[in-house]
Amino acid sequence: MNQSDTRVGTFPVPAGQDLTGMEGRLVVLTHDSGVPEVKLPATVNDPAVYLLVDGNTDGGLVSVQPWAANVSARVALKGTCVPGDKLVLADPATPADAGKLRAQPVTAGKWFVLGLAEEKGADGQALLVRPVVIGLVVISA
């Protein structure tokens, strides 16, 4: 099948909120009256499958990279991790953590696994991550 009018790699899209200085975080594709835009995730289970490459103010164009397993990425880390850890979104209830990844907790809950750590990580680091969308993992009490 031959396809046209598709996107490969990084592409521009409007910011749906101020994303200045948020490079290296994951964002969610949404829309404003049918016009695509990206925002930081609002919950730990949002489908944040785009990496913010270049930020901008609300309404300005930002650059995003699709979350694809054939390209590793560096993402802001919350907490610590070791190679092979499953990574999930950090709790966006703390605005400074929105769009960051963290090691999957072992506590009961639902976690949307978005990647695997490819190196040991410390809080605030731009962690090397292998994008893999394992999906929703439920840990029972």
N, C-alpha and C. Protein backbone atom coordinates (compact mmCIF):
# COMPACT_ATOMS: atom_id res chain seq x y z
N MET A 1 0.85 -1.17 0.00
CA MET A 1 0.00 0.00 0.00
C MET A 1 0.89 1.23 0.00
N ASN A 2 0.57 2.18 -0.82
CA ASN A 2 1.30 3.45 -0.89
C ASN A 2 0.53 4.49 -0.10
N GLN A 3 1.22 5.16 0.82
CA GLN A 3 0.55 6.20 1.62
C GLN A 3 1.19 7.54 1.36
N SER A 4 0.39 8.56 1.45
CA SER A 4 0.91 9.92 1.28
C SER A 4 0.32 10.80 2.37
N ASP A 5 0.84 11.99 2.49
CA ASP A 5 0.37 12.96 3.49
C ASP A 5 0.43 12.38 4.91
N THR A 6 1.55 11.74 5.22
CA THR A 6 1.78 11.20 6.56
C THR A 6 2.98 11.90 7.18
N ARG A 7 3.24 11.66 8.47
CA ARG A 7 4.35 12.31 9.16
C ARG A 7 5.36 11.27 9.61
N VAL A 8 6.63 11.61 9.46
CA VAL A 8 7.72 10.78 9.94
C VAL A 8 8.63 11.69 10.76
N GLY A 9 8.98 11.24 11.96
CA GLY A 9 9.90 12.02 12.79
C GLY A 9 9.23 13.19 13.49
N THR A 10 10.04 14.16 13.86
CA THR A 10 9.58 15.33 14.61
C THR A 10 8.70 16.21 13.73
N PHE A 11 7.62 16.75 14.33
CA PHE A 11 6.74 17.64 13.58
C PHE A 11 6.21 18.75 14.49
N PRO A 12 5.79 19.88 13.88
CA PRO A 12 5.27 21.01 14.65
C PRO A 12 3.78 20.86 14.94
N VAL A 13 3.37 21.34 16.10
CA VAL A 13 1.96 21.35 16.49
C VAL A 13 1.80 22.47 17.52
N PRO A 14 0.65 23.13 17.59
CA PRO A 14 0.47 24.18 18.59
C PRO A 14 0.46 23.63 20.02
N ALA A 15 0.95 24.44 20.93
CA ALA A 15 0.89 24.11 22.36
C ALA A 15 -0.48 24.50 22.89
N GLY A 16 -1.09 23.62 23.67
CA GLY A 16 -2.39 23.90 24.27
C GLY A 16 -2.25 24.53 25.65
N GLN A 17 -1.01 24.74 26.09
CA GLN A 17 -0.71 25.39 27.36
C GLN A 17 0.74 25.84 27.27
N ASP A 18 1.19 26.60 28.24
CA ASP A 18 2.58 27.05 28.23
C ASP A 18 3.50 25.85 28.44
N LEU A 19 4.29 25.52 27.43
CA LEU A 19 5.23 24.40 27.50
C LEU A 19 6.68 24.89 27.44
N THR A 20 6.88 26.14 27.79
CA THR A 20 8.22 26.72 27.83
C THR A 20 9.07 25.97 28.86
N GLY A 21 10.24 25.52 28.46
CA GLY A 21 11.15 24.83 29.36
C GLY A 21 10.75 23.40 29.71
N MET A 22 9.77 22.84 29.01
CA MET A 22 9.28 21.49 29.31
C MET A 22 9.86 20.43 28.38
N GLU A 23 10.90 20.76 27.63
CA GLU A 23 11.52 19.81 26.72
C GLU A 23 11.92 18.55 27.48
N GLY A 24 11.78 17.39 26.82
CA GLY A 24 12.12 16.13 27.44
C GLY A 24 11.00 15.55 28.28
N ARG A 25 9.81 16.10 28.14
CA ARG A 25 8.63 15.55 28.83
C ARG A 25 7.68 14.97 27.80
N LEU A 26 6.83 14.07 28.26
CA LEU A 26 5.84 13.47 27.38
C LEU A 26 4.57 14.32 27.39
N VAL A 27 3.93 14.42 26.24
CA VAL A 27 2.72 15.23 26.10
C VAL A 27 1.62 14.41 25.43
N VAL A 28 0.41 14.90 25.56
CA VAL A 28 -0.79 14.25 25.04
C VAL A 28 -1.30 15.07 23.86
N LEU A 29 -1.66 14.39 22.79
CA LEU A 29 -2.29 15.06 21.65
C LEU A 29 -3.77 15.25 21.96
N THR A 30 -4.23 16.46 21.83
CA THR A 30 -5.64 16.79 22.06
C THR A 30 -6.04 17.78 20.98
N HIS A 31 -7.08 18.57 21.22
CA HIS A 31 -7.48 19.55 20.21
C HIS A 31 -8.21 20.72 20.86
N ASP A 32 -8.28 21.80 20.10
CA ASP A 32 -9.06 22.98 20.47
C ASP A 32 -9.96 23.27 19.29
N SER A 33 -11.24 22.95 19.41
CA SER A 33 -12.22 23.11 18.33
C SER A 33 -11.79 22.39 17.05
N GLY A 34 -11.22 21.19 17.21
CA GLY A 34 -10.81 20.39 16.07
C GLY A 34 -9.40 20.65 15.57
N VAL A 35 -8.73 21.65 16.12
CA VAL A 35 -7.35 21.95 15.73
C VAL A 35 -6.42 21.21 16.69
N PRO A 36 -5.51 20.38 16.17
CA PRO A 36 -4.63 19.61 17.06
C PRO A 36 -3.77 20.52 17.93
N GLU A 37 -3.50 20.06 19.15
CA GLU A 37 -2.58 20.72 20.06
C GLU A 37 -2.07 19.68 21.06
N VAL A 38 -1.00 20.02 21.75
CA VAL A 38 -0.47 19.11 22.77
C VAL A 38 -0.45 19.79 24.12
N LYS A 39 -0.65 18.96 25.15
CA LYS A 39 -0.64 19.42 26.54
C LYS A 39 0.08 18.39 27.39
N LEU A 40 0.49 18.81 28.58
CA LEU A 40 1.03 17.87 29.55
C LEU A 40 -0.08 16.94 30.01
N PRO A 41 0.24 15.71 30.39
CA PRO A 41 -0.81 14.80 30.85
C PRO A 41 -1.49 15.30 32.12
N ALA A 42 -2.76 14.98 32.25
CA ALA A 42 -3.54 15.39 33.42
C ALA A 42 -3.68 14.26 34.43
N THR A 43 -3.50 13.00 33.97
CA THR A 43 -3.58 11.84 34.87
C THR A 43 -2.43 10.90 34.56
N VAL A 44 -2.17 9.97 35.46
CA VAL A 44 -1.07 9.01 35.24
C VAL A 44 -1.39 8.02 34.13
N ASN A 45 -2.63 7.95 33.68
CA ASN A 45 -3.01 7.01 32.64
C ASN A 45 -3.33 7.67 31.31
N ASP A 46 -2.97 8.95 31.15
CA ASP A 46 -3.18 9.62 29.87
C ASP A 46 -2.27 9.01 28.80
N PRO A 47 -2.72 8.95 27.55
CA PRO A 47 -1.89 8.40 26.48
C PRO A 47 -0.85 9.43 26.00
N ALA A 48 0.17 9.65 26.82
CA ALA A 48 1.22 10.62 26.50
C ALA A 48 2.25 9.95 25.61
N VAL A 49 2.02 9.95 24.32
CA VAL A 49 2.87 9.20 23.39
C VAL A 49 3.62 10.12 22.41
N TYR A 50 3.86 11.35 22.84
CA TYR A 50 4.69 12.28 22.08
C TYR A 50 5.70 12.90 23.03
N LEU A 51 6.95 13.00 22.57
CA LEU A 51 8.02 13.62 23.35
C LEU A 51 8.16 15.06 22.92
N LEU A 52 8.13 15.98 23.87
CA LEU A 52 8.30 17.40 23.56
C LEU A 52 9.77 17.68 23.29
N VAL A 53 10.08 18.11 22.08
CA VAL A 53 11.46 18.39 21.67
C VAL A 53 11.78 19.87 21.86
N ASP A 54 10.89 20.74 21.45
CA ASP A 54 11.05 22.19 21.62
C ASP A 54 9.76 22.75 22.18
N GLY A 55 9.84 23.43 23.33
CA GLY A 55 8.66 24.02 23.95
C GLY A 55 8.35 25.41 23.40
N ASN A 56 7.24 25.97 23.87
CA ASN A 56 6.82 27.31 23.48
C ASN A 56 5.66 27.71 24.39
N THR A 57 5.22 28.94 24.25
CA THR A 57 4.10 29.45 25.03
C THR A 57 2.78 28.90 24.48
N ASP A 58 1.71 29.06 25.24
CA ASP A 58 0.38 28.60 24.84
C ASP A 58 0.02 29.18 23.48
N GLY A 59 -0.35 28.31 22.54
CA GLY A 59 -0.72 28.73 21.20
C GLY A 59 0.44 28.77 20.22
N GLY A 60 1.67 28.80 20.72
CA GLY A 60 2.84 28.80 19.84
C GLY A 60 3.14 27.40 19.34
N LEU A 61 3.90 27.32 18.27
CA LEU A 61 4.26 26.01 17.73
C LEU A 61 5.37 25.37 18.57
N VAL A 62 5.18 24.09 18.87
CA VAL A 62 6.20 23.29 19.54
C VAL A 62 6.57 22.15 18.59
N SER A 63 7.68 21.48 18.87
CA SER A 63 8.07 20.30 18.11
C SER A 63 7.89 19.08 18.99
N VAL A 64 7.27 18.04 18.42
CA VAL A 64 7.09 16.79 19.15
C VAL A 64 7.60 15.63 18.30
N GLN A 65 8.01 14.58 18.99
CA GLN A 65 8.50 13.37 18.34
C GLN A 65 7.61 12.22 18.78
N PRO A 66 7.06 11.46 17.85
CA PRO A 66 6.24 10.31 18.24
C PRO A 66 7.03 9.33 19.11
N TRP A 67 6.36 8.70 20.04
CA TRP A 67 6.94 7.75 20.97
C TRP A 67 7.02 6.42 20.24
N ALA A 68 8.19 6.12 19.67
CA ALA A 68 8.33 4.92 18.83
C ALA A 68 9.48 4.05 19.32
N ALA A 69 9.28 2.75 19.36
CA ALA A 69 10.25 1.81 19.92
C ALA A 69 11.55 1.74 19.14
N ASN A 70 11.56 2.18 17.89
CA ASN A 70 12.80 2.10 17.11
C ASN A 70 13.75 3.27 17.37
N VAL A 71 13.35 4.21 18.22
CA VAL A 71 14.18 5.37 18.54
C VAL A 71 14.18 5.58 20.05
N SER A 72 15.35 5.43 20.69
CA SER A 72 15.39 5.71 22.13
C SER A 72 15.24 7.21 22.34
N ALA A 73 14.90 7.60 23.56
CA ALA A 73 14.66 9.01 23.86
C ALA A 73 15.16 9.32 25.26
N ARG A 74 15.41 10.58 25.51
CA ARG A 74 15.78 11.04 26.85
C ARG A 74 14.58 11.79 27.41
N VAL A 75 14.12 11.33 28.59
CA VAL A 75 12.92 11.88 29.21
C VAL A 75 13.24 12.25 30.66
N ALA A 76 12.66 13.34 31.12
CA ALA A 76 12.86 13.78 32.50
C ALA A 76 12.35 12.71 33.46
N LEU A 77 13.18 12.38 34.47
CA LEU A 77 12.87 11.32 35.41
C LEU A 77 12.47 11.89 36.77
N LYS A 78 11.44 11.31 37.36
CA LYS A 78 11.03 11.59 38.74
C LYS A 78 11.47 10.40 39.57
N GLY A 79 12.26 10.63 40.59
CA GLY A 79 12.73 9.55 41.44
C GLY A 79 13.95 8.87 40.86
N THR A 80 14.10 7.58 41.17
CA THR A 80 15.25 6.81 40.70
C THR A 80 14.77 5.56 39.98
N CYS A 81 15.69 4.94 39.22
CA CYS A 81 15.36 3.70 38.54
C CYS A 81 16.65 2.97 38.20
N VAL A 82 16.51 1.73 37.76
CA VAL A 82 17.63 0.92 37.29
C VAL A 82 17.28 0.39 35.91
N PRO A 83 18.29 -0.02 35.14
CA PRO A 83 18.01 -0.55 33.80
C PRO A 83 16.97 -1.67 33.85
N GLY A 84 16.04 -1.62 32.92
CA GLY A 84 14.99 -2.64 32.83
C GLY A 84 13.72 -2.28 33.58
N ASP A 85 13.76 -1.25 34.42
CA ASP A 85 12.54 -0.85 35.12
C ASP A 85 11.47 -0.43 34.12
N LYS A 86 10.23 -0.83 34.39
CA LYS A 86 9.09 -0.34 33.61
C LYS A 86 8.83 1.08 34.07
N LEU A 87 8.57 1.97 33.13
CA LEU A 87 8.37 3.39 33.44
C LEU A 87 6.94 3.82 33.14
N VAL A 88 6.40 4.62 34.05
CA VAL A 88 5.04 5.15 33.95
C VAL A 88 5.09 6.66 34.16
N LEU A 89 4.01 7.33 33.87
CA LEU A 89 3.96 8.77 34.10
C LEU A 89 4.03 9.08 35.59
N ALA A 90 4.79 10.13 35.93
CA ALA A 90 4.79 10.65 37.29
C ALA A 90 3.45 11.33 37.54
N ASP A 91 3.08 11.49 38.78
CA ASP A 91 1.78 12.06 39.15
C ASP A 91 1.71 13.54 38.75
N PRO A 92 0.85 13.88 37.77
CA PRO A 92 0.75 15.27 37.34
C PRO A 92 0.00 16.17 38.32
N ALA A 93 -0.49 15.59 39.44
CA ALA A 93 -1.11 16.43 40.47
C ALA A 93 -0.07 17.39 41.05
N THR A 94 1.21 17.01 40.95
CA THR A 94 2.32 17.90 41.28
C THR A 94 2.75 18.50 39.94
N PRO A 95 2.38 19.75 39.65
CA PRO A 95 2.64 20.34 38.33
C PRO A 95 4.09 20.20 37.86
N ALA A 96 5.05 20.26 38.76
CA ALA A 96 6.46 20.15 38.37
C ALA A 96 6.80 18.76 37.83
N ASP A 97 5.94 17.76 38.09
CA ASP A 97 6.20 16.39 37.66
C ASP A 97 5.43 15.99 36.40
N ALA A 98 4.53 16.82 35.93
CA ALA A 98 3.71 16.48 34.77
C ALA A 98 4.59 16.22 33.55
N GLY A 99 4.36 15.06 32.92
CA GLY A 99 5.10 14.69 31.72
C GLY A 99 6.40 13.96 32.00
N LYS A 100 6.81 13.85 33.26
CA LYS A 100 8.00 13.09 33.62
C LYS A 100 7.64 11.61 33.73
N LEU A 101 8.64 10.76 33.66
CA LEU A 101 8.45 9.34 33.89
C LEU A 101 9.03 8.96 35.24
N ARG A 102 8.54 7.84 35.78
CA ARG A 102 9.07 7.29 37.03
C ARG A 102 8.99 5.77 36.95
N ALA A 103 9.75 5.10 37.81
CA ALA A 103 9.67 3.64 37.86
C ALA A 103 8.26 3.25 38.28
N GLN A 104 7.74 2.17 37.70
CA GLN A 104 6.40 1.71 38.05
C GLN A 104 6.35 1.36 39.53
N PRO A 105 5.40 1.95 40.27
CA PRO A 105 5.27 1.62 41.69
C PRO A 105 4.85 0.16 41.87
N VAL A 106 5.15 -0.38 43.04
CA VAL A 106 4.74 -1.75 43.36
C VAL A 106 3.44 -1.76 44.16
N THR A 107 2.91 -0.57 44.45
CA THR A 107 1.67 -0.45 45.21
C THR A 107 0.47 -0.74 44.31
N ALA A 108 -0.65 -1.06 44.92
CA ALA A 108 -1.87 -1.33 44.18
C ALA A 108 -2.26 -0.11 43.36
N GLY A 109 -2.71 -0.36 42.15
CA GLY A 109 -3.16 0.72 41.29
C GLY A 109 -3.10 0.31 39.84
N LYS A 110 -3.45 1.25 38.97
CA LYS A 110 -3.41 1.04 37.53
C LYS A 110 -2.32 1.95 36.98
N TRP A 111 -1.41 1.35 36.22
CA TRP A 111 -0.27 2.09 35.69
C TRP A 111 -0.16 1.84 34.20
N PHE A 112 -0.06 2.89 33.41
CA PHE A 112 0.09 2.79 31.96
C PHE A 112 1.59 2.81 31.66
N VAL A 113 2.16 1.64 31.36
CA VAL A 113 3.60 1.53 31.13
C VAL A 113 3.94 2.06 29.74
N LEU A 114 4.88 3.02 29.71
CA LEU A 114 5.26 3.70 28.47
C LEU A 114 6.67 3.42 28.00
N GLY A 115 7.51 2.82 28.84
CA GLY A 115 8.88 2.59 28.41
C GLY A 115 9.67 1.77 29.40
N LEU A 116 10.91 1.47 29.01
CA LEU A 116 11.84 0.74 29.85
C LEU A 116 13.09 1.59 30.04
N ALA A 117 13.59 1.64 31.26
CA ALA A 117 14.82 2.37 31.54
C ALA A 117 15.99 1.62 30.91
N GLU A 118 16.85 2.34 30.19
CA GLU A 118 18.02 1.71 29.59
C GLU A 118 19.30 2.06 30.35
N GLU A 119 19.16 2.79 31.45
CA GLU A 119 20.30 3.12 32.30
C GLU A 119 19.81 3.41 33.71
N LYS A 120 20.74 3.44 34.66
CA LYS A 120 20.41 3.81 36.03
C LYS A 120 20.09 5.29 36.04
N GLY A 121 19.03 5.67 36.78
CA GLY A 121 18.62 7.07 36.76
C GLY A 121 18.43 7.67 38.13
N ALA A 122 18.69 8.98 38.20
CA ALA A 122 18.50 9.77 39.42
C ALA A 122 17.48 10.87 39.16
N ASP A 123 16.83 11.32 40.20
CA ASP A 123 15.78 12.34 40.11
C ASP A 123 16.25 13.55 39.30
N GLY A 124 15.42 13.94 38.32
CA GLY A 124 15.70 15.12 37.52
C GLY A 124 16.55 14.85 36.29
N GLN A 125 17.11 13.67 36.18
CA GLN A 125 17.96 13.30 35.06
C GLN A 125 17.16 13.18 33.77
N ALA A 126 17.81 13.45 32.64
CA ALA A 126 17.24 13.15 31.33
C ALA A 126 17.61 11.69 31.05
N LEU A 127 16.73 10.78 31.40
CA LEU A 127 16.96 9.35 31.39
C LEU A 127 16.84 8.77 29.98
N LEU A 128 17.75 7.85 29.63
CA LEU A 128 17.67 7.13 28.37
C LEU A 128 16.57 6.07 28.49
N VAL A 129 15.57 6.18 27.64
CA VAL A 129 14.37 5.33 27.71
C VAL A 129 14.14 4.66 26.36
N ARG A 130 13.74 3.38 26.42
CA ARG A 130 13.29 2.68 25.22
C ARG A 130 11.78 2.74 25.22
N PRO A 131 11.20 3.51 24.29
CA PRO A 131 9.75 3.59 24.23
C PRO A 131 9.12 2.24 23.91
N VAL A 132 8.26 1.79 24.79
CA VAL A 132 7.44 0.61 24.56
C VAL A 132 6.10 0.88 25.22
N VAL A 133 5.04 0.73 24.50
CA VAL A 133 3.74 0.94 25.11
C VAL A 133 3.19 -0.43 25.48
N ILE A 134 3.48 -0.84 26.72
CA ILE A 134 2.97 -2.10 27.23
C ILE A 134 1.48 -1.95 27.52
N GLY A 135 1.10 -0.75 27.93
CA GLY A 135 -0.29 -0.47 28.23
C GLY A 135 -0.59 -0.54 29.71
N LEU A 136 -1.85 -0.68 30.03
CA LEU A 136 -2.31 -0.63 31.40
C LEU A 136 -1.93 -1.90 32.16
N VAL A 137 -1.22 -1.69 33.28
CA VAL A 137 -0.85 -2.78 34.17
C VAL A 137 -1.58 -2.56 35.48
N VAL A 138 -2.31 -3.56 35.95
CA VAL A 138 -3.06 -3.45 37.19
C VAL A 138 -2.36 -4.26 38.26
N ILE A 139 -2.07 -3.60 39.39
CA ILE A 139 -1.49 -4.28 40.53
C ILE A 139 -2.55 -4.32 41.62
N SER A 140 -2.90 -5.52 42.03
CA SER A 140 -3.93 -5.70 43.06
C SER A 140 -3.31 -5.68 44.44
N ALA A 141 -4.10 -5.26 45.41
CA ALA A 141 -3.63 -5.20 46.81
C ALA A 141 -3.48 -6.57 47.40
